[in-house]
Amino acid sequence: MAGMNAINLQATLFDFAIGELVRQHRESFQPLWTADSWAKLLIWLALNCGCSGDRDSLEAYAEALGPGLTGRMRRIFFERELEDLELRVLADPAEPQVLVLPLGPAGPLDHGRVVAALERLGLLARVAAEPQRWQQLEAALALPWQELF
């Protein structure tokens, strides 16, 4: 620990703690995989930090978080790792597509494993189900969101 100072240790602890907090509570905010679920998490965090529920207070809280922390929390909120399928799924509804990446060595992804992952996560009905609409991007698959009218 010779190279670690108190500020670095505190930053590491904070980063770890906020990541775990988001992971442990992200399933609580329904409907999953929506901007509404993300907003509910932010409101819950703000209220638990002593903010009132009024608009000005919530906006001040969001501003205080800053884009770096907010972006990291959002990435954790919309990311899932399925170790048994060796897949990572990034399903942020603000993005045009869901990304599926291998956890192990890069290579073509087996569509059966991808479908199993999407089904387990409740995403199968929310993305384009036709594999011909899926786009191979190096080691990742990009699946467009289902167009909902």
N, C-alpha and C. Protein backbone atom coordinates (compact mmCIF):
# COMPACT_ATOMS: atom_id res chain seq x y z
N MET A 1 0.81 -1.20 0.00
CA MET A 1 0.00 0.00 0.00
C MET A 1 0.86 1.26 0.00
N ALA A 2 2.11 1.10 -0.31
CA ALA A 2 3.02 2.24 -0.26
C ALA A 2 2.59 3.35 -1.20
N GLY A 3 2.06 3.01 -2.38
CA GLY A 3 1.68 4.03 -3.37
C GLY A 3 0.29 4.58 -3.16
N MET A 4 -0.44 4.07 -2.19
CA MET A 4 -1.82 4.51 -1.97
C MET A 4 -1.85 5.59 -0.89
N ASN A 5 -2.52 6.69 -1.18
CA ASN A 5 -2.70 7.70 -0.16
C ASN A 5 -4.17 7.70 0.27
N ALA A 6 -4.49 8.46 1.28
CA ALA A 6 -5.84 8.47 1.85
C ALA A 6 -6.88 8.87 0.82
N ILE A 7 -6.59 9.86 -0.01
CA ILE A 7 -7.57 10.32 -0.99
C ILE A 7 -7.84 9.23 -2.03
N ASN A 8 -6.80 8.55 -2.49
CA ASN A 8 -6.98 7.46 -3.45
C ASN A 8 -7.80 6.33 -2.84
N LEU A 9 -7.52 6.00 -1.59
CA LEU A 9 -8.28 4.94 -0.91
C LEU A 9 -9.74 5.33 -0.75
N GLN A 10 -9.99 6.58 -0.39
CA GLN A 10 -11.37 7.03 -0.25
C GLN A 10 -12.10 7.01 -1.59
N ALA A 11 -11.42 7.43 -2.63
CA ALA A 11 -12.03 7.42 -3.96
C ALA A 11 -12.33 5.99 -4.41
N THR A 12 -11.43 5.08 -4.14
CA THR A 12 -11.64 3.67 -4.49
C THR A 12 -12.81 3.10 -3.71
N LEU A 13 -12.87 3.41 -2.42
CA LEU A 13 -13.98 2.94 -1.60
C LEU A 13 -15.30 3.51 -2.09
N PHE A 14 -15.34 4.79 -2.40
CA PHE A 14 -16.56 5.41 -2.90
C PHE A 14 -17.00 4.76 -4.21
N ASP A 15 -16.05 4.56 -5.13
CA ASP A 15 -16.35 3.95 -6.42
C ASP A 15 -16.93 2.55 -6.23
N PHE A 16 -16.31 1.77 -5.35
CA PHE A 16 -16.79 0.43 -5.05
C PHE A 16 -18.19 0.49 -4.44
N ALA A 17 -18.39 1.35 -3.46
CA ALA A 17 -19.66 1.43 -2.74
C ALA A 17 -20.80 1.87 -3.65
N ILE A 18 -20.58 2.87 -4.47
CA ILE A 18 -21.65 3.34 -5.34
C ILE A 18 -21.99 2.28 -6.38
N GLY A 19 -20.99 1.58 -6.89
CA GLY A 19 -21.24 0.49 -7.84
C GLY A 19 -22.08 -0.62 -7.21
N GLU A 20 -21.74 -1.00 -6.00
CA GLU A 20 -22.49 -2.05 -5.31
C GLU A 20 -23.90 -1.59 -4.98
N LEU A 21 -24.06 -0.35 -4.58
CA LEU A 21 -25.38 0.18 -4.27
C LEU A 21 -26.29 0.12 -5.49
N VAL A 22 -25.78 0.55 -6.62
CA VAL A 22 -26.57 0.52 -7.86
C VAL A 22 -26.89 -0.93 -8.24
N ARG A 23 -25.90 -1.82 -8.20
CA ARG A 23 -26.13 -3.23 -8.57
C ARG A 23 -27.18 -3.88 -7.66
N GLN A 24 -27.11 -3.61 -6.38
CA GLN A 24 -28.02 -4.26 -5.43
C GLN A 24 -29.46 -3.76 -5.55
N HIS A 25 -29.66 -2.55 -6.04
CA HIS A 25 -31.01 -1.99 -6.05
C HIS A 25 -31.61 -1.80 -7.44
N ARG A 26 -30.86 -2.04 -8.50
CA ARG A 26 -31.35 -1.73 -9.85
C ARG A 26 -32.57 -2.55 -10.25
N GLU A 27 -32.72 -3.76 -9.72
CA GLU A 27 -33.88 -4.58 -10.08
C GLU A 27 -35.16 -4.10 -9.40
N SER A 28 -35.04 -3.21 -8.41
CA SER A 28 -36.18 -2.73 -7.64
C SER A 28 -37.03 -1.71 -8.38
N PHE A 29 -36.48 -1.11 -9.42
CA PHE A 29 -37.15 0.00 -10.07
C PHE A 29 -37.73 -0.45 -11.40
N GLN A 30 -39.04 -0.63 -11.40
CA GLN A 30 -39.76 -1.15 -12.55
C GLN A 30 -40.36 0.00 -13.36
N PRO A 31 -40.60 -0.18 -14.64
CA PRO A 31 -40.21 -1.34 -15.44
C PRO A 31 -38.73 -1.29 -15.80
N LEU A 32 -38.09 -2.45 -15.71
CA LEU A 32 -36.67 -2.54 -16.01
C LEU A 32 -36.40 -2.11 -17.44
N TRP A 33 -35.17 -1.73 -17.69
CA TRP A 33 -34.66 -1.38 -19.02
C TRP A 33 -35.39 -0.18 -19.61
N THR A 34 -35.78 0.77 -18.74
CA THR A 34 -36.46 1.97 -19.22
C THR A 34 -35.82 3.21 -18.58
N ALA A 35 -36.06 4.34 -19.23
CA ALA A 35 -35.61 5.61 -18.65
C ALA A 35 -36.33 5.87 -17.33
N ASP A 36 -37.57 5.41 -17.20
CA ASP A 36 -38.31 5.58 -15.95
C ASP A 36 -37.63 4.87 -14.79
N SER A 37 -37.13 3.66 -15.03
CA SER A 37 -36.46 2.92 -13.94
C SER A 37 -35.20 3.66 -13.50
N TRP A 38 -34.48 4.23 -14.44
CA TRP A 38 -33.27 4.99 -14.13
C TRP A 38 -33.64 6.24 -13.32
N ALA A 39 -34.68 6.94 -13.74
CA ALA A 39 -35.12 8.14 -13.01
C ALA A 39 -35.55 7.78 -11.59
N LYS A 40 -36.22 6.66 -11.43
CA LYS A 40 -36.66 6.23 -10.10
C LYS A 40 -35.46 5.95 -9.20
N LEU A 41 -34.41 5.35 -9.74
CA LEU A 41 -33.20 5.12 -8.94
C LEU A 41 -32.60 6.45 -8.49
N LEU A 42 -32.49 7.41 -9.41
CA LEU A 42 -31.90 8.70 -9.06
C LEU A 42 -32.74 9.42 -8.00
N ILE A 43 -34.05 9.36 -8.12
CA ILE A 43 -34.92 9.98 -7.12
C ILE A 43 -34.75 9.30 -5.77
N TRP A 44 -34.71 7.98 -5.76
CA TRP A 44 -34.52 7.22 -4.53
C TRP A 44 -33.19 7.61 -3.86
N LEU A 45 -32.13 7.69 -4.65
CA LEU A 45 -30.83 8.09 -4.10
C LEU A 45 -30.90 9.51 -3.54
N ALA A 46 -31.51 10.41 -4.28
CA ALA A 46 -31.61 11.80 -3.83
C ALA A 46 -32.37 11.90 -2.51
N LEU A 47 -33.49 11.21 -2.42
CA LEU A 47 -34.28 11.25 -1.19
C LEU A 47 -33.50 10.66 -0.01
N ASN A 48 -32.74 9.60 -0.27
CA ASN A 48 -31.96 8.99 0.79
C ASN A 48 -30.73 9.83 1.17
N CYS A 49 -30.40 10.81 0.35
CA CYS A 49 -29.31 11.73 0.67
C CYS A 49 -29.83 13.01 1.32
N GLY A 50 -31.13 13.03 1.62
CA GLY A 50 -31.70 14.17 2.33
C GLY A 50 -32.32 15.24 1.46
N CYS A 51 -32.39 15.02 0.17
CA CYS A 51 -33.03 16.00 -0.70
C CYS A 51 -34.55 15.89 -0.56
N SER A 52 -35.22 17.02 -0.75
CA SER A 52 -36.69 16.96 -0.78
C SER A 52 -37.08 16.44 -2.17
N GLY A 53 -38.32 16.13 -2.34
CA GLY A 53 -38.76 15.58 -3.61
C GLY A 53 -39.15 16.62 -4.63
N ASP A 54 -38.95 17.91 -4.32
CA ASP A 54 -39.35 18.93 -5.29
C ASP A 54 -38.37 18.98 -6.45
N ARG A 55 -38.83 19.52 -7.53
CA ARG A 55 -38.06 19.55 -8.78
C ARG A 55 -36.70 20.23 -8.62
N ASP A 56 -36.68 21.39 -7.98
CA ASP A 56 -35.42 22.13 -7.82
C ASP A 56 -34.39 21.32 -7.05
N SER A 57 -34.83 20.67 -5.99
CA SER A 57 -33.92 19.87 -5.17
C SER A 57 -33.38 18.68 -5.96
N LEU A 58 -34.24 18.02 -6.72
CA LEU A 58 -33.80 16.87 -7.53
C LEU A 58 -32.84 17.31 -8.63
N GLU A 59 -33.12 18.45 -9.24
CA GLU A 59 -32.23 18.96 -10.29
C GLU A 59 -30.87 19.34 -9.70
N ALA A 60 -30.87 19.94 -8.51
CA ALA A 60 -29.60 20.30 -7.85
C ALA A 60 -28.81 19.05 -7.52
N TYR A 61 -29.50 18.00 -7.08
CA TYR A 61 -28.84 16.73 -6.77
C TYR A 61 -28.20 16.15 -8.04
N ALA A 62 -28.95 16.11 -9.12
CA ALA A 62 -28.43 15.56 -10.38
C ALA A 62 -27.22 16.36 -10.85
N GLU A 63 -27.29 17.68 -10.72
CA GLU A 63 -26.16 18.52 -11.12
C GLU A 63 -24.94 18.26 -10.25
N ALA A 64 -25.17 18.06 -8.95
CA ALA A 64 -24.07 17.82 -8.02
C ALA A 64 -23.36 16.50 -8.32
N LEU A 65 -24.09 15.51 -8.82
CA LEU A 65 -23.46 14.24 -9.18
C LEU A 65 -22.44 14.43 -10.29
N GLY A 66 -22.78 15.27 -11.24
CA GLY A 66 -21.88 15.52 -12.37
C GLY A 66 -21.99 14.44 -13.43
N PRO A 67 -21.54 14.76 -14.64
CA PRO A 67 -21.67 13.82 -15.75
C PRO A 67 -20.82 12.56 -15.60
N GLY A 68 -19.66 12.66 -14.99
CA GLY A 68 -18.79 11.48 -14.86
C GLY A 68 -19.40 10.42 -13.97
N LEU A 69 -19.82 10.81 -12.78
CA LEU A 69 -20.42 9.85 -11.85
C LEU A 69 -21.76 9.36 -12.38
N THR A 70 -22.56 10.27 -12.92
CA THR A 70 -23.86 9.87 -13.45
C THR A 70 -23.69 8.86 -14.58
N GLY A 71 -22.74 9.10 -15.46
CA GLY A 71 -22.49 8.17 -16.57
C GLY A 71 -22.05 6.81 -16.08
N ARG A 72 -21.17 6.79 -15.09
CA ARG A 72 -20.71 5.51 -14.54
C ARG A 72 -21.86 4.75 -13.88
N MET A 73 -22.68 5.46 -13.11
CA MET A 73 -23.81 4.81 -12.46
C MET A 73 -24.81 4.29 -13.49
N ARG A 74 -25.05 5.05 -14.53
CA ARG A 74 -25.99 4.62 -15.57
C ARG A 74 -25.48 3.37 -16.28
N ARG A 75 -24.19 3.35 -16.56
CA ARG A 75 -23.60 2.17 -17.21
C ARG A 75 -23.78 0.94 -16.34
N ILE A 76 -23.52 1.06 -15.05
CA ILE A 76 -23.70 -0.07 -14.12
C ILE A 76 -25.17 -0.46 -14.07
N PHE A 77 -26.06 0.52 -14.06
CA PHE A 77 -27.50 0.27 -13.95
C PHE A 77 -28.02 -0.55 -15.13
N PHE A 78 -27.52 -0.28 -16.33
CA PHE A 78 -28.03 -0.93 -17.53
C PHE A 78 -27.13 -2.04 -18.06
N GLU A 79 -26.17 -2.49 -17.27
CA GLU A 79 -25.25 -3.55 -17.69
C GLU A 79 -25.49 -4.79 -16.85
N ARG A 80 -25.41 -5.95 -17.48
CA ARG A 80 -25.50 -7.21 -16.76
C ARG A 80 -24.42 -8.15 -17.28
N GLU A 81 -23.80 -8.87 -16.36
CA GLU A 81 -22.84 -9.92 -16.71
C GLU A 81 -23.46 -11.26 -16.38
N LEU A 82 -23.51 -12.13 -17.36
CA LEU A 82 -24.05 -13.48 -17.20
C LEU A 82 -22.87 -14.44 -17.34
N GLU A 83 -22.25 -14.72 -16.21
CA GLU A 83 -21.01 -15.51 -16.23
C GLU A 83 -21.22 -16.91 -16.78
N ASP A 84 -22.36 -17.54 -16.48
CA ASP A 84 -22.59 -18.89 -16.97
C ASP A 84 -22.72 -18.93 -18.49
N LEU A 85 -23.19 -17.84 -19.09
CA LEU A 85 -23.28 -17.75 -20.55
C LEU A 85 -22.07 -17.04 -21.15
N GLU A 86 -21.18 -16.55 -20.28
CA GLU A 86 -19.99 -15.81 -20.69
C GLU A 86 -20.33 -14.62 -21.58
N LEU A 87 -21.37 -13.85 -21.13
CA LEU A 87 -21.82 -12.70 -21.90
C LEU A 87 -22.00 -11.48 -21.01
N ARG A 88 -21.77 -10.32 -21.59
CA ARG A 88 -22.06 -9.03 -20.96
C ARG A 88 -23.09 -8.36 -21.86
N VAL A 89 -24.16 -7.85 -21.25
CA VAL A 89 -25.22 -7.18 -22.00
C VAL A 89 -25.32 -5.74 -21.52
N LEU A 90 -25.27 -4.82 -22.47
CA LEU A 90 -25.42 -3.38 -22.21
C LEU A 90 -26.71 -2.95 -22.88
N ALA A 91 -27.72 -2.63 -22.07
CA ALA A 91 -29.05 -2.36 -22.62
C ALA A 91 -29.60 -1.03 -22.11
N ASP A 92 -28.94 0.06 -22.48
CA ASP A 92 -29.37 1.39 -22.09
C ASP A 92 -30.41 1.87 -23.11
N PRO A 93 -31.63 2.16 -22.66
CA PRO A 93 -32.67 2.58 -23.62
C PRO A 93 -32.37 3.90 -24.32
N ALA A 94 -31.41 4.67 -23.82
CA ALA A 94 -31.02 5.91 -24.48
C ALA A 94 -30.14 5.64 -25.70
N GLU A 95 -29.62 4.44 -25.80
CA GLU A 95 -28.78 4.06 -26.93
C GLU A 95 -29.65 3.41 -28.01
N PRO A 96 -29.23 3.47 -29.27
CA PRO A 96 -30.07 2.92 -30.35
C PRO A 96 -30.11 1.39 -30.38
N GLN A 97 -29.21 0.75 -29.66
CA GLN A 97 -29.17 -0.71 -29.72
C GLN A 97 -28.65 -1.29 -28.40
N VAL A 98 -28.95 -2.56 -28.23
CA VAL A 98 -28.43 -3.33 -27.11
C VAL A 98 -27.13 -3.97 -27.59
N LEU A 99 -26.09 -3.92 -26.78
CA LEU A 99 -24.82 -4.55 -27.14
C LEU A 99 -24.63 -5.82 -26.32
N VAL A 100 -24.21 -6.87 -26.98
CA VAL A 100 -23.89 -8.13 -26.32
C VAL A 100 -22.44 -8.44 -26.62
N LEU A 101 -21.65 -8.61 -25.56
CA LEU A 101 -20.21 -8.85 -25.71
C LEU A 101 -19.81 -10.12 -24.98
N PRO A 102 -18.78 -10.78 -25.47
CA PRO A 102 -18.30 -11.97 -24.76
C PRO A 102 -17.52 -11.55 -23.51
N LEU A 103 -17.62 -12.35 -22.47
CA LEU A 103 -16.79 -12.12 -21.29
C LEU A 103 -15.42 -12.74 -21.47
N GLY A 104 -15.36 -13.77 -22.28
CA GLY A 104 -14.10 -14.46 -22.52
C GLY A 104 -13.44 -13.97 -23.79
N PRO A 105 -12.69 -14.85 -24.43
CA PRO A 105 -12.01 -14.49 -25.67
C PRO A 105 -12.99 -14.04 -26.75
N ALA A 106 -12.56 -13.07 -27.53
CA ALA A 106 -13.41 -12.56 -28.60
C ALA A 106 -13.61 -13.63 -29.66
N GLY A 107 -14.71 -13.55 -30.32
CA GLY A 107 -15.04 -14.47 -31.38
C GLY A 107 -16.51 -14.34 -31.69
N PRO A 108 -16.97 -15.01 -32.73
CA PRO A 108 -18.39 -14.92 -33.06
C PRO A 108 -19.25 -15.40 -31.89
N LEU A 109 -20.31 -14.67 -31.63
CA LEU A 109 -21.20 -15.03 -30.54
C LEU A 109 -22.26 -16.02 -31.03
N ASP A 110 -22.46 -17.05 -30.25
CA ASP A 110 -23.49 -18.05 -30.54
C ASP A 110 -24.86 -17.43 -30.31
N HIS A 111 -25.70 -17.43 -31.33
CA HIS A 111 -27.01 -16.80 -31.23
C HIS A 111 -27.87 -17.46 -30.16
N GLY A 112 -27.71 -18.75 -29.94
CA GLY A 112 -28.46 -19.44 -28.89
C GLY A 112 -28.17 -18.88 -27.51
N ARG A 113 -26.89 -18.62 -27.25
CA ARG A 113 -26.51 -18.02 -25.96
C ARG A 113 -27.05 -16.60 -25.83
N VAL A 114 -27.01 -15.86 -26.93
CA VAL A 114 -27.52 -14.49 -26.92
C VAL A 114 -29.02 -14.49 -26.62
N VAL A 115 -29.76 -15.34 -27.28
CA VAL A 115 -31.20 -15.43 -27.04
C VAL A 115 -31.48 -15.85 -25.60
N ALA A 116 -30.73 -16.80 -25.08
CA ALA A 116 -30.90 -17.23 -23.68
C ALA A 116 -30.65 -16.07 -22.72
N ALA A 117 -29.63 -15.27 -23.00
CA ALA A 117 -29.32 -14.11 -22.15
C ALA A 117 -30.45 -13.09 -22.21
N LEU A 118 -30.91 -12.79 -23.41
CA LEU A 118 -31.99 -11.81 -23.57
C LEU A 118 -33.27 -12.28 -22.87
N GLU A 119 -33.54 -13.55 -22.99
CA GLU A 119 -34.73 -14.11 -22.34
C GLU A 119 -34.63 -14.01 -20.82
N ARG A 120 -33.49 -14.38 -20.28
CA ARG A 120 -33.28 -14.33 -18.84
C ARG A 120 -33.41 -12.92 -18.29
N LEU A 121 -32.94 -11.94 -19.06
CA LEU A 121 -32.97 -10.56 -18.62
C LEU A 121 -34.28 -9.85 -18.90
N GLY A 122 -35.21 -10.53 -19.57
CA GLY A 122 -36.48 -9.90 -19.91
C GLY A 122 -36.38 -8.92 -21.06
N LEU A 123 -35.38 -9.11 -21.91
CA LEU A 123 -35.15 -8.20 -23.03
C LEU A 123 -35.58 -8.76 -24.38
N LEU A 124 -35.89 -10.04 -24.43
CA LEU A 124 -36.15 -10.69 -25.72
C LEU A 124 -37.28 -10.00 -26.49
N ALA A 125 -38.35 -9.62 -25.83
CA ALA A 125 -39.48 -8.97 -26.50
C ALA A 125 -39.20 -7.49 -26.78
N ARG A 126 -38.12 -6.96 -26.26
CA ARG A 126 -37.83 -5.53 -26.39
C ARG A 126 -36.81 -5.22 -27.48
N VAL A 127 -36.17 -6.26 -28.04
CA VAL A 127 -35.20 -6.06 -29.12
C VAL A 127 -35.70 -6.75 -30.37
N ALA A 128 -35.13 -6.36 -31.50
CA ALA A 128 -35.47 -7.01 -32.76
C ALA A 128 -35.08 -8.48 -32.66
N ALA A 129 -36.05 -9.37 -32.78
CA ALA A 129 -35.81 -10.79 -32.56
C ALA A 129 -35.15 -11.48 -33.76
N GLU A 130 -35.23 -10.87 -34.93
CA GLU A 130 -34.69 -11.50 -36.13
C GLU A 130 -33.17 -11.34 -36.19
N PRO A 131 -32.44 -12.46 -36.13
CA PRO A 131 -30.97 -12.37 -36.16
C PRO A 131 -30.41 -11.64 -37.39
N GLN A 132 -31.16 -11.60 -38.48
CA GLN A 132 -30.67 -10.88 -39.66
C GLN A 132 -30.63 -9.37 -39.42
N ARG A 133 -31.32 -8.88 -38.40
CA ARG A 133 -31.27 -7.45 -38.05
C ARG A 133 -30.16 -7.15 -37.05
N TRP A 134 -29.51 -8.20 -36.54
CA TRP A 134 -28.42 -8.03 -35.60
C TRP A 134 -27.15 -7.71 -36.38
N GLN A 135 -26.35 -6.85 -35.85
CA GLN A 135 -25.13 -6.43 -36.55
C GLN A 135 -23.90 -6.89 -35.76
N GLN A 136 -23.02 -7.62 -36.43
CA GLN A 136 -21.77 -8.05 -35.82
C GLN A 136 -20.78 -6.90 -35.85
N LEU A 137 -20.29 -6.50 -34.67
CA LEU A 137 -19.30 -5.43 -34.55
C LEU A 137 -18.07 -6.00 -33.88
N GLU A 138 -17.12 -6.42 -34.65
CA GLU A 138 -15.92 -7.08 -34.11
C GLU A 138 -16.36 -8.19 -33.17
N ALA A 139 -16.14 -8.05 -31.85
CA ALA A 139 -16.49 -9.12 -30.92
C ALA A 139 -17.90 -8.97 -30.36
N ALA A 140 -18.58 -7.87 -30.65
CA ALA A 140 -19.91 -7.60 -30.08
C ALA A 140 -21.01 -7.80 -31.11
N LEU A 141 -22.21 -8.01 -30.60
CA LEU A 141 -23.41 -8.01 -31.43
C LEU A 141 -24.22 -6.78 -31.04
N ALA A 142 -24.73 -6.05 -32.03
CA ALA A 142 -25.60 -4.91 -31.80
C ALA A 142 -27.00 -5.29 -32.23
N LEU A 143 -27.94 -5.22 -31.29
CA LEU A 143 -29.33 -5.59 -31.55
C LEU A 143 -30.19 -4.34 -31.41
N PRO A 144 -30.88 -3.94 -32.47
CA PRO A 144 -31.72 -2.74 -32.36
C PRO A 144 -32.89 -2.99 -31.41
N TRP A 145 -33.29 -1.93 -30.73
CA TRP A 145 -34.48 -2.01 -29.89
C TRP A 145 -35.69 -2.24 -30.79
N GLN A 146 -36.67 -2.95 -30.29
CA GLN A 146 -37.92 -3.16 -30.99
C GLN A 146 -38.61 -1.81 -31.12
N GLU A 147 -39.13 -1.53 -32.26
CA GLU A 147 -39.84 -0.28 -32.47
C GLU A 147 -41.23 -0.43 -31.87
N LEU A 148 -41.50 0.39 -30.86
CA LEU A 148 -42.81 0.36 -30.20
C LEU A 148 -43.60 1.57 -30.64
N PHE A 149 -44.80 1.32 -31.11
CA PHE A 149 -45.65 2.43 -31.58
C PHE A 149 -46.73 2.72 -30.60
